[in-house]
């Protein structure tokens, strides 16, 4: 289910990014609503991103990195 949500999230972010690139920045009210749900504009990459998706990736990488114990043979 999370994979499906990631796909939907990615598609929605892609549409938001395309719209902003075509029409320019949305109103401050729209930007504020997006920020409230954790969607922010990346000035460097010029695209919207989800804070939740970034945090999810960081968590997965951290778990993978630190879950390996030197005392357990694989």
Protein backbone atom coordinates (compact mmCIF):
# COMPACT_ATOMS: atom_id res chain seq x y z
CA UNK A 1 0.00 0.00 0.00
CA UNK A 2 2.85 2.41 0.80
CA UNK A 3 4.29 1.81 -2.68
CA UNK A 4 0.94 2.83 -4.22
CA UNK A 5 0.82 5.94 -2.05
CA UNK A 6 4.35 6.81 -3.13
CA UNK A 7 3.32 6.54 -6.78
CA UNK A 8 0.28 8.74 -6.26
CA UNK A 9 2.35 11.20 -4.29
CA UNK A 10 4.99 11.29 -7.02
CA UNK A 11 2.43 11.82 -9.76
CA UNK A 12 0.75 14.62 -7.83
CA UNK A 13 4.08 16.30 -7.13
CA UNK A 14 5.00 16.00 -10.81
CA UNK A 15 1.73 17.69 -11.81
CA UNK A 16 2.22 20.46 -9.25
CA UNK A 17 5.78 21.01 -10.51
CA UNK A 18 4.69 21.11 -14.16
CA UNK A 19 1.91 23.58 -13.36
CA UNK A 20 4.27 25.87 -11.46
CA UNK A 21 6.82 25.78 -14.27
CA UNK A 22 4.13 26.68 -16.82
CA UNK A 23 2.13 29.24 -14.86
CA UNK A 24 4.53 30.55 -12.25
CA UNK A 25 4.28 30.54 -8.49
CA UNK A 26 0.89 29.93 -6.91
CA UNK A 27 -0.67 32.43 -4.56
CA UNK A 28 0.75 32.69 -1.03
CA UNK A 29 -2.41 31.01 0.27
CA UNK A 30 -1.83 27.95 -1.92
CA UNK A 31 1.85 27.82 -0.96
CA UNK A 32 0.83 27.95 2.70
CA UNK A 33 -1.67 25.10 2.27
CA UNK A 34 0.96 23.00 0.52
CA UNK A 35 3.44 23.71 3.31
CA UNK A 36 0.88 22.68 5.92
CA UNK A 37 0.62 19.22 4.30
CA UNK A 38 4.40 18.97 3.94
CA UNK A 39 4.84 19.85 0.27
CA UNK A 40 7.58 22.39 -0.35
CA UNK A 41 9.27 23.96 -3.39
CA UNK A 42 12.94 23.09 -3.90
CA UNK A 43 14.58 26.23 -5.32
CA UNK A 44 17.72 24.35 -6.43
CA UNK A 45 16.00 21.55 -8.34
CA UNK A 46 12.95 23.66 -9.18
CA UNK A 47 10.44 21.01 -8.15
CA UNK A 48 8.00 20.24 -5.37
CA UNK A 49 8.95 17.58 -2.83
CA UNK A 50 7.26 15.87 0.06
CA UNK A 51 8.85 16.28 3.46
CA UNK A 52 7.26 12.96 4.48
CA UNK A 53 8.91 11.17 1.55
CA UNK A 54 12.31 12.63 2.44
CA UNK A 55 11.93 11.64 6.09
CA UNK A 56 10.80 8.14 5.07
CA UNK A 57 13.94 7.67 2.93
CA UNK A 58 16.20 8.97 5.71
CA UNK A 59 14.56 6.61 8.19
CA UNK A 60 14.92 3.61 5.86
CA UNK A 61 18.59 4.39 5.18
CA UNK A 62 19.31 4.90 8.88
CA UNK A 63 17.65 1.63 9.83
CA UNK A 64 19.53 -0.21 7.10
CA UNK A 65 22.84 1.35 8.11
CA UNK A 66 22.57 0.83 11.87
CA UNK A 67 20.59 -2.40 12.05
CA UNK A 68 23.62 -4.48 11.10
CA UNK A 69 25.27 -5.76 14.20
CA UNK A 70 28.95 -6.73 14.16
CA UNK A 71 28.02 -9.58 16.54
CA UNK A 72 25.62 -11.30 14.17
CA UNK A 73 26.95 -13.34 11.29
CA UNK A 74 24.99 -13.14 8.07
